[in-house]
Amino acid sequence: MFDPRNILAQQVSDQLQKHFGDKVYRTVIPRNVRLAEAPGFGLPVLYHDGQSKGARAYLELAREVLAGSPA
């Protein structure tokens, strides 16, 4: 999960982009309270709060994966 307010997270993301280039998926999973809460309720985030930013990001990542290539 990525938090753009965290400098280390930004640096790691930049390094991943530099090293892996077009092998990195475009979708970023944001740090999100609803994502963190879901396991505590014993639910996948899509059932816990399917409209949260995190859930929508995971759906977008799944679309990218199913499409077959990251970029």
N, C-alpha and C. Protein backbone atom coordinates (compact mmCIF):
# COMPACT_ATOMS: atom_id res chain seq x y z
N MET A 1 0.85 -1.18 0.00
CA MET A 1 0.00 0.00 0.00
C MET A 1 0.89 1.23 0.00
N PHE A 2 0.49 2.21 -0.72
CA PHE A 2 1.29 3.41 -0.96
C PHE A 2 0.66 4.62 -0.29
N ASP A 3 1.48 5.38 0.39
CA ASP A 3 1.04 6.63 1.01
C ASP A 3 1.90 7.75 0.44
N PRO A 4 1.34 8.59 -0.43
CA PRO A 4 2.15 9.63 -1.09
C PRO A 4 2.71 10.67 -0.12
N ARG A 5 2.22 10.71 1.11
CA ARG A 5 2.74 11.66 2.09
C ARG A 5 4.05 11.16 2.71
N ASN A 6 4.37 9.90 2.49
CA ASN A 6 5.54 9.28 3.08
C ASN A 6 6.70 9.36 2.08
N ILE A 7 7.76 10.05 2.45
CA ILE A 7 8.89 10.25 1.54
C ILE A 7 9.54 8.92 1.18
N LEU A 8 9.69 8.02 2.15
CA LEU A 8 10.29 6.72 1.86
C LEU A 8 9.46 5.97 0.83
N ALA A 9 8.15 6.00 0.96
CA ALA A 9 7.28 5.32 0.00
C ALA A 9 7.48 5.89 -1.41
N GLN A 10 7.62 7.19 -1.49
CA GLN A 10 7.86 7.83 -2.79
C GLN A 10 9.20 7.39 -3.37
N GLN A 11 10.22 7.33 -2.52
CA GLN A 11 11.55 6.92 -2.99
C GLN A 11 11.54 5.48 -3.47
N VAL A 12 10.89 4.61 -2.71
CA VAL A 12 10.82 3.20 -3.11
C VAL A 12 10.07 3.07 -4.43
N SER A 13 8.97 3.78 -4.56
CA SER A 13 8.20 3.74 -5.80
C SER A 13 9.05 4.20 -6.98
N ASP A 14 9.77 5.28 -6.80
CA ASP A 14 10.65 5.79 -7.86
C ASP A 14 11.71 4.76 -8.25
N GLN A 15 12.31 4.11 -7.25
CA GLN A 15 13.33 3.10 -7.52
C GLN A 15 12.75 1.90 -8.26
N LEU A 16 11.55 1.49 -7.87
CA LEU A 16 10.90 0.38 -8.57
C LEU A 16 10.65 0.74 -10.03
N GLN A 17 10.18 1.96 -10.27
CA GLN A 17 9.95 2.41 -11.65
C GLN A 17 11.24 2.42 -12.45
N LYS A 18 12.31 2.92 -11.84
CA LYS A 18 13.60 2.99 -12.55
C LYS A 18 14.14 1.60 -12.86
N HIS A 19 14.04 0.71 -11.88
CA HIS A 19 14.62 -0.62 -12.04
C HIS A 19 13.79 -1.52 -12.96
N PHE A 20 12.47 -1.53 -12.79
CA PHE A 20 11.62 -2.46 -13.53
C PHE A 20 10.92 -1.83 -14.73
N GLY A 21 10.91 -0.51 -14.80
CA GLY A 21 10.34 0.18 -15.96
C GLY A 21 8.92 -0.21 -16.27
N ASP A 22 8.70 -0.68 -17.49
CA ASP A 22 7.33 -0.99 -17.95
C ASP A 22 6.78 -2.30 -17.38
N LYS A 23 7.53 -2.96 -16.50
CA LYS A 23 7.03 -4.17 -15.85
C LYS A 23 6.22 -3.86 -14.60
N VAL A 24 6.17 -2.59 -14.23
CA VAL A 24 5.43 -2.17 -13.04
C VAL A 24 4.02 -1.77 -13.45
N TYR A 25 3.04 -2.32 -12.75
CA TYR A 25 1.66 -1.96 -13.05
C TYR A 25 1.41 -0.49 -12.71
N ARG A 26 0.52 0.14 -13.43
CA ARG A 26 0.21 1.55 -13.21
C ARG A 26 -0.62 1.77 -11.95
N THR A 27 -1.46 0.81 -11.63
CA THR A 27 -2.35 0.97 -10.48
C THR A 27 -1.56 0.97 -9.19
N VAL A 28 -1.86 1.95 -8.36
CA VAL A 28 -1.23 2.07 -7.04
C VAL A 28 -2.31 1.79 -6.00
N ILE A 29 -2.00 0.92 -5.05
CA ILE A 29 -2.94 0.62 -3.97
C ILE A 29 -2.68 1.64 -2.86
N PRO A 30 -3.63 2.53 -2.61
CA PRO A 30 -3.41 3.56 -1.60
C PRO A 30 -3.56 3.01 -0.18
N ARG A 31 -2.82 3.57 0.74
CA ARG A 31 -3.02 3.23 2.15
C ARG A 31 -4.42 3.73 2.50
N ASN A 32 -5.21 2.84 3.10
CA ASN A 32 -6.62 3.14 3.28
C ASN A 32 -7.13 2.45 4.53
N VAL A 33 -7.84 3.17 5.37
CA VAL A 33 -8.35 2.62 6.62
C VAL A 33 -9.26 1.42 6.36
N ARG A 34 -10.09 1.50 5.34
CA ARG A 34 -11.04 0.43 5.06
C ARG A 34 -10.30 -0.87 4.68
N LEU A 35 -9.17 -0.74 4.00
CA LEU A 35 -8.36 -1.92 3.69
C LEU A 35 -7.83 -2.55 4.97
N ALA A 36 -7.37 -1.72 5.89
CA ALA A 36 -6.82 -2.21 7.14
C ALA A 36 -7.89 -2.84 8.03
N GLU A 37 -9.11 -2.33 7.97
CA GLU A 37 -10.20 -2.83 8.81
C GLU A 37 -10.74 -4.18 8.34
N ALA A 38 -10.75 -4.42 7.06
CA ALA A 38 -11.43 -5.60 6.49
C ALA A 38 -11.01 -6.92 7.14
N PRO A 39 -9.71 -7.20 7.31
CA PRO A 39 -9.35 -8.49 7.93
C PRO A 39 -9.90 -8.64 9.36
N GLY A 40 -9.99 -7.54 10.08
CA GLY A 40 -10.54 -7.59 11.43
C GLY A 40 -12.00 -8.02 11.46
N PHE A 41 -12.69 -7.79 10.37
CA PHE A 41 -14.09 -8.20 10.25
C PHE A 41 -14.20 -9.57 9.57
N GLY A 42 -13.04 -10.12 9.19
CA GLY A 42 -13.05 -11.42 8.52
C GLY A 42 -13.60 -11.37 7.11
N LEU A 43 -13.48 -10.21 6.47
CA LEU A 43 -14.04 -10.02 5.14
C LEU A 43 -13.00 -9.50 4.16
N PRO A 44 -13.12 -9.87 2.89
CA PRO A 44 -12.33 -9.19 1.87
C PRO A 44 -12.81 -7.75 1.78
N VAL A 45 -11.95 -6.85 1.38
CA VAL A 45 -12.33 -5.44 1.34
C VAL A 45 -13.51 -5.19 0.40
N LEU A 46 -13.65 -6.01 -0.62
CA LEU A 46 -14.77 -5.82 -1.55
C LEU A 46 -16.12 -6.05 -0.89
N TYR A 47 -16.14 -6.88 0.14
CA TYR A 47 -17.38 -7.10 0.91
C TYR A 47 -17.50 -6.12 2.06
N HIS A 48 -16.36 -5.75 2.63
CA HIS A 48 -16.38 -4.82 3.77
C HIS A 48 -16.79 -3.42 3.31
N ASP A 49 -16.15 -2.93 2.25
CA ASP A 49 -16.51 -1.62 1.69
C ASP A 49 -16.03 -1.58 0.25
N GLY A 50 -16.83 -2.12 -0.62
CA GLY A 50 -16.49 -2.23 -2.03
C GLY A 50 -16.33 -0.91 -2.76
N GLN A 51 -16.79 0.18 -2.14
CA GLN A 51 -16.67 1.50 -2.77
C GLN A 51 -15.49 2.31 -2.24
N SER A 52 -14.72 1.73 -1.33
CA SER A 52 -13.57 2.46 -0.79
C SER A 52 -12.50 2.62 -1.87
N LYS A 53 -11.64 3.59 -1.67
CA LYS A 53 -10.56 3.82 -2.65
C LYS A 53 -9.69 2.58 -2.80
N GLY A 54 -9.41 1.92 -1.68
CA GLY A 54 -8.58 0.72 -1.73
C GLY A 54 -9.23 -0.40 -2.52
N ALA A 55 -10.51 -0.64 -2.30
CA ALA A 55 -11.22 -1.69 -3.02
C ALA A 55 -11.25 -1.38 -4.52
N ARG A 56 -11.52 -0.14 -4.85
CA ARG A 56 -11.55 0.24 -6.27
C ARG A 56 -10.17 0.07 -6.89
N ALA A 57 -9.11 0.38 -6.14
CA ALA A 57 -7.75 0.23 -6.65
C ALA A 57 -7.44 -1.25 -6.91
N TYR A 58 -7.85 -2.14 -5.99
CA TYR A 58 -7.62 -3.57 -6.21
C TYR A 58 -8.38 -4.07 -7.43
N LEU A 59 -9.58 -3.56 -7.66
CA LEU A 59 -10.32 -3.95 -8.87
C LEU A 59 -9.60 -3.47 -10.13
N GLU A 60 -9.08 -2.27 -10.08
CA GLU A 60 -8.33 -1.74 -11.22
C GLU A 60 -7.07 -2.57 -11.47
N LEU A 61 -6.37 -2.95 -10.40
CA LEU A 61 -5.18 -3.79 -10.55
C LEU A 61 -5.56 -5.13 -11.16
N ALA A 62 -6.67 -5.71 -10.72
CA ALA A 62 -7.13 -6.98 -11.31
C ALA A 62 -7.39 -6.82 -12.79
N ARG A 63 -7.97 -5.70 -13.19
CA ARG A 63 -8.20 -5.45 -14.63
C ARG A 63 -6.88 -5.41 -15.39
N GLU A 64 -5.89 -4.74 -14.79
CA GLU A 64 -4.57 -4.68 -15.44
C GLU A 64 -3.96 -6.07 -15.57
N VAL A 65 -4.02 -6.85 -14.50
CA VAL A 65 -3.44 -8.19 -14.52
C VAL A 65 -4.14 -9.04 -15.59
N LEU A 66 -5.46 -8.99 -15.63
CA LEU A 66 -6.21 -9.76 -16.60
C LEU A 66 -5.95 -9.30 -18.04
N ALA A 67 -5.61 -8.03 -18.21
CA ALA A 67 -5.31 -7.52 -19.54
C ALA A 67 -3.99 -8.08 -20.06
N GLY A 68 -3.14 -8.53 -19.12
CA GLY A 68 -1.93 -9.25 -19.55
C GLY A 68 -0.62 -8.52 -19.50
N SER A 69 -0.60 -7.22 -19.39
CA SER A 69 0.69 -6.54 -19.30
C SER A 69 0.56 -5.29 -18.44
N PRO A 70 1.60 -4.98 -17.70
CA PRO A 70 1.54 -3.86 -16.77
C PRO A 70 1.34 -2.50 -17.42
N ALA A 71 2.05 -2.20 -18.46
CA ALA A 71 1.97 -0.84 -18.98
C ALA A 71 1.46 -0.76 -20.38
